[in-house]
Each structure stands twice: as C-alpha cells, then as structure tokens.
Amino acid sequence: MDKNGFEELVGGLEAEFNAARLEKRGTFAVAAARITGLIYLEAVQAGVPHLLAQEMAQDYWNTEAGGPTVVVAEAEDE
C-alpha cells in the first residue's frame, strides 16, 4: 500500500468515526431533551408551579448538556 492509499484509508476511517460520534451525540441530545420535557410536564401535572418546574427541568438539562442554557424569562402565569 502506498502513502496515498494509506492516507485515504485513514481519512475514510476518521470520517466514519466522526459520523458515528456525531450520530451518538445527536441521539443523546434527543433523549436528554425528551427527559427534560418529561421532568417539566410531570412536575406541572403533580402541582409544582410553572417556574419551579421550569427550573427543575433546566437543572437537569444543565447537568446533562454540560453547561447553562440561555432562557428568555416569560411573564408569570396567573
């Protein structure tokens, strides 16, 4: 195998690994988003006030996503 063939092989493997890693991260992100939504919905259905339920869901998301998110404050429900 010549140098170009080896580089093509390594480049192809790298592309496959990167695609697999991206797909895995995407799958995780979708699962984390679903769980975050479920935390919020379950909390609200259990009688937890909207803002507290939102904070609970944000705490979970921050833990799983690895950092804080920017949230636009909404007017409090009456």
N, C-alpha and C. Protein backbone atom coordinates (compact mmCIF):
# COMPACT_ATOMS: atom_id res chain seq x y z
N MET A 1 0.85 -1.17 0.00
CA MET A 1 0.00 0.00 0.00
C MET A 1 0.90 1.24 0.00
N ASP A 2 0.61 2.15 -0.92
CA ASP A 2 1.41 3.37 -0.98
C ASP A 2 0.90 4.41 0.02
N LYS A 3 1.62 5.50 0.12
CA LYS A 3 1.30 6.54 1.10
C LYS A 3 -0.09 7.13 0.86
N ASN A 4 -0.45 7.37 -0.40
CA ASN A 4 -1.76 7.93 -0.72
C ASN A 4 -2.88 6.98 -0.34
N GLY A 5 -2.67 5.69 -0.60
CA GLY A 5 -3.68 4.69 -0.24
C GLY A 5 -3.89 4.62 1.27
N PHE A 6 -2.79 4.69 2.00
CA PHE A 6 -2.88 4.67 3.46
C PHE A 6 -3.61 5.91 3.98
N GLU A 7 -3.27 7.07 3.43
CA GLU A 7 -3.93 8.30 3.85
C GLU A 7 -5.42 8.28 3.54
N GLU A 8 -5.78 7.71 2.39
CA GLU A 8 -7.20 7.59 2.04
C GLU A 8 -7.91 6.66 3.02
N LEU A 9 -7.27 5.55 3.37
CA LEU A 9 -7.84 4.59 4.31
C LEU A 9 -8.05 5.25 5.68
N VAL A 10 -7.02 5.92 6.17
CA VAL A 10 -7.11 6.59 7.47
C VAL A 10 -8.15 7.70 7.41
N GLY A 11 -8.17 8.45 6.34
CA GLY A 11 -9.15 9.53 6.17
C GLY A 11 -10.57 8.99 6.15
N GLY A 12 -10.77 7.86 5.48
CA GLY A 12 -12.09 7.23 5.44
C GLY A 12 -12.52 6.74 6.81
N LEU A 13 -11.59 6.14 7.54
CA LEU A 13 -11.91 5.69 8.90
C LEU A 13 -12.24 6.86 9.81
N GLU A 14 -11.48 7.93 9.68
CA GLU A 14 -11.72 9.12 10.50
C GLU A 14 -13.11 9.67 10.21
N ALA A 15 -13.49 9.73 8.95
CA ALA A 15 -14.81 10.25 8.58
C ALA A 15 -15.91 9.36 9.15
N GLU A 16 -15.71 8.04 9.08
CA GLU A 16 -16.71 7.12 9.64
C GLU A 16 -16.83 7.27 11.15
N PHE A 17 -15.70 7.38 11.85
CA PHE A 17 -15.72 7.56 13.30
C PHE A 17 -16.39 8.87 13.68
N ASN A 18 -16.07 9.94 12.95
CA ASN A 18 -16.68 11.24 13.23
C ASN A 18 -18.19 11.21 13.01
N ALA A 19 -18.63 10.55 11.95
CA ALA A 19 -20.07 10.43 11.68
C ALA A 19 -20.76 9.63 12.77
N ALA A 20 -20.14 8.54 13.21
CA ALA A 20 -20.72 7.72 14.28
C ALA A 20 -20.79 8.50 15.59
N ARG A 21 -19.74 9.26 15.89
CA ARG A 21 -19.72 10.06 17.11
C ARG A 21 -20.80 11.15 17.06
N LEU A 22 -20.96 11.78 15.91
CA LEU A 22 -21.98 12.81 15.76
C LEU A 22 -23.38 12.22 15.93
N GLU A 23 -23.60 11.06 15.34
CA GLU A 23 -24.90 10.39 15.47
C GLU A 23 -25.17 10.03 16.94
N LYS A 24 -24.16 9.55 17.63
CA LYS A 24 -24.31 9.19 19.04
C LYS A 24 -24.63 10.43 19.88
N ARG A 25 -23.95 11.53 19.62
CA ARG A 25 -24.22 12.78 20.34
C ARG A 25 -25.63 13.29 20.05
N GLY A 26 -26.05 13.15 18.81
CA GLY A 26 -27.41 13.57 18.44
C GLY A 26 -28.47 12.74 19.14
N THR A 27 -28.25 11.44 19.19
CA THR A 27 -29.17 10.54 19.88
C THR A 27 -29.26 10.90 21.36
N PHE A 28 -28.11 11.17 21.97
CA PHE A 28 -28.09 11.58 23.37
C PHE A 28 -28.82 12.89 23.57
N ALA A 29 -28.61 13.86 22.68
CA ALA A 29 -29.26 15.16 22.81
C ALA A 29 -30.77 15.04 22.73
N VAL A 30 -31.25 14.21 21.82
CA VAL A 30 -32.70 14.00 21.69
C VAL A 30 -33.26 13.36 22.95
N ALA A 31 -32.57 12.36 23.47
CA ALA A 31 -33.02 11.69 24.69
C ALA A 31 -33.02 12.67 25.87
N ALA A 32 -31.98 13.46 26.00
CA ALA A 32 -31.90 14.43 27.10
C ALA A 32 -33.01 15.48 26.97
N ALA A 33 -33.31 15.92 25.76
CA ALA A 33 -34.39 16.89 25.55
C ALA A 33 -35.73 16.30 25.93
N ARG A 34 -35.96 15.05 25.55
CA ARG A 34 -37.22 14.38 25.91
C ARG A 34 -37.36 14.25 27.42
N ILE A 35 -36.30 13.85 28.08
CA ILE A 35 -36.34 13.69 29.53
C ILE A 35 -36.55 15.04 30.20
N THR A 36 -35.91 16.07 29.69
CA THR A 36 -36.08 17.41 30.24
C THR A 36 -37.55 17.83 30.14
N GLY A 37 -38.16 17.58 29.00
CA GLY A 37 -39.57 17.90 28.82
C GLY A 37 -40.46 17.09 29.75
N LEU A 38 -40.13 15.82 29.92
CA LEU A 38 -40.91 14.98 30.83
C LEU A 38 -40.81 15.46 32.28
N ILE A 39 -39.62 15.89 32.67
CA ILE A 39 -39.46 16.41 34.03
C ILE A 39 -40.38 17.61 34.23
N TYR A 40 -40.40 18.50 33.27
CA TYR A 40 -41.26 19.68 33.37
C TYR A 40 -42.74 19.28 33.42
N LEU A 41 -43.16 18.44 32.49
CA LEU A 41 -44.58 18.05 32.42
C LEU A 41 -45.03 17.31 33.67
N GLU A 42 -44.22 16.36 34.12
CA GLU A 42 -44.58 15.60 35.31
C GLU A 42 -44.67 16.51 36.53
N ALA A 43 -43.75 17.44 36.64
CA ALA A 43 -43.76 18.36 37.78
C ALA A 43 -45.02 19.22 37.76
N VAL A 44 -45.36 19.79 36.60
CA VAL A 44 -46.54 20.62 36.49
C VAL A 44 -47.80 19.80 36.79
N GLN A 45 -47.86 18.59 36.24
CA GLN A 45 -49.03 17.74 36.49
C GLN A 45 -49.15 17.34 37.96
N ALA A 46 -48.04 17.33 38.67
CA ALA A 46 -48.06 17.00 40.09
C ALA A 46 -48.35 18.22 40.96
N GLY A 47 -48.57 19.37 40.33
CA GLY A 47 -48.93 20.56 41.07
C GLY A 47 -47.79 21.51 41.36
N VAL A 48 -46.62 21.23 40.83
CA VAL A 48 -45.48 22.13 41.03
C VAL A 48 -45.71 23.39 40.19
N PRO A 49 -45.51 24.57 40.75
CA PRO A 49 -45.69 25.81 39.98
C PRO A 49 -44.80 25.82 38.73
N HIS A 50 -45.29 26.48 37.69
CA HIS A 50 -44.62 26.54 36.39
C HIS A 50 -43.14 26.91 36.50
N LEU A 51 -42.87 28.01 37.20
CA LEU A 51 -41.48 28.48 37.27
C LEU A 51 -40.57 27.49 37.98
N LEU A 52 -41.05 26.86 39.05
CA LEU A 52 -40.24 25.87 39.75
C LEU A 52 -40.03 24.64 38.87
N ALA A 53 -41.07 24.21 38.18
CA ALA A 53 -40.95 23.07 37.27
C ALA A 53 -39.95 23.38 36.16
N GLN A 54 -39.98 24.61 35.67
CA GLN A 54 -39.05 25.03 34.63
C GLN A 54 -37.62 24.99 35.16
N GLU A 55 -37.42 25.46 36.38
CA GLU A 55 -36.09 25.43 36.98
C GLU A 55 -35.61 24.00 37.18
N MET A 56 -36.51 23.11 37.58
CA MET A 56 -36.14 21.70 37.75
C MET A 56 -35.66 21.12 36.42
N ALA A 57 -36.41 21.39 35.37
CA ALA A 57 -36.05 20.88 34.05
C ALA A 57 -34.73 21.50 33.58
N GLN A 58 -34.54 22.78 33.85
CA GLN A 58 -33.29 23.44 33.47
C GLN A 58 -32.10 22.86 34.21
N ASP A 59 -32.29 22.56 35.50
CA ASP A 59 -31.21 21.95 36.27
C ASP A 59 -30.79 20.62 35.65
N TYR A 60 -31.78 19.82 35.27
CA TYR A 60 -31.46 18.54 34.65
C TYR A 60 -30.71 18.78 33.33
N TRP A 61 -31.24 19.68 32.50
CA TRP A 61 -30.61 19.95 31.20
C TRP A 61 -29.17 20.43 31.38
N ASN A 62 -28.97 21.35 32.32
CA ASN A 62 -27.63 21.88 32.56
C ASN A 62 -26.67 20.77 32.97
N THR A 63 -27.14 19.85 33.78
CA THR A 63 -26.31 18.73 34.21
C THR A 63 -25.96 17.82 33.03
N GLU A 64 -26.93 17.50 32.22
CA GLU A 64 -26.71 16.58 31.11
C GLU A 64 -26.01 17.24 29.92
N ALA A 65 -26.33 18.50 29.65
CA ALA A 65 -25.76 19.17 28.49
C ALA A 65 -24.39 19.75 28.78
N GLY A 66 -24.03 19.78 30.06
CA GLY A 66 -22.70 20.23 30.41
C GLY A 66 -22.54 21.73 30.54
N GLY A 67 -23.62 22.44 30.71
CA GLY A 67 -23.50 23.87 30.91
C GLY A 67 -24.84 24.55 30.93
N PRO A 68 -24.86 25.79 31.36
CA PRO A 68 -26.13 26.51 31.44
C PRO A 68 -26.65 26.88 30.06
N THR A 69 -27.95 27.04 29.99
CA THR A 69 -28.58 27.49 28.76
C THR A 69 -29.09 28.90 28.96
N VAL A 70 -29.33 29.58 27.89
CA VAL A 70 -29.89 30.93 27.97
C VAL A 70 -31.40 30.78 27.88
N VAL A 71 -32.09 31.30 28.88
CA VAL A 71 -33.54 31.19 28.92
C VAL A 71 -34.13 32.58 28.91
N VAL A 72 -35.11 32.78 28.06
CA VAL A 72 -35.82 34.05 28.00
C VAL A 72 -36.91 33.99 29.05
N ALA A 73 -36.91 34.94 29.95
CA ALA A 73 -37.91 34.97 31.02
C ALA A 73 -39.28 35.28 30.43
N GLU A 74 -40.27 34.53 30.91
CA GLU A 74 -41.64 34.74 30.47
C GLU A 74 -42.42 35.41 31.58
N ALA A 75 -43.52 36.03 31.21
CA ALA A 75 -44.41 36.60 32.23
C ALA A 75 -44.97 35.44 33.03
N GLU A 76 -45.08 35.63 34.35
CA GLU A 76 -45.58 34.58 35.21
C GLU A 76 -47.04 34.33 34.93
N ASP A 77 -47.42 33.03 34.86
CA ASP A 77 -48.82 32.65 34.64
C ASP A 77 -49.67 33.07 35.82
N GLU A 78 -50.86 33.52 35.53
CA GLU A 78 -51.75 33.90 36.62
C GLU A 78 -52.84 32.89 36.78
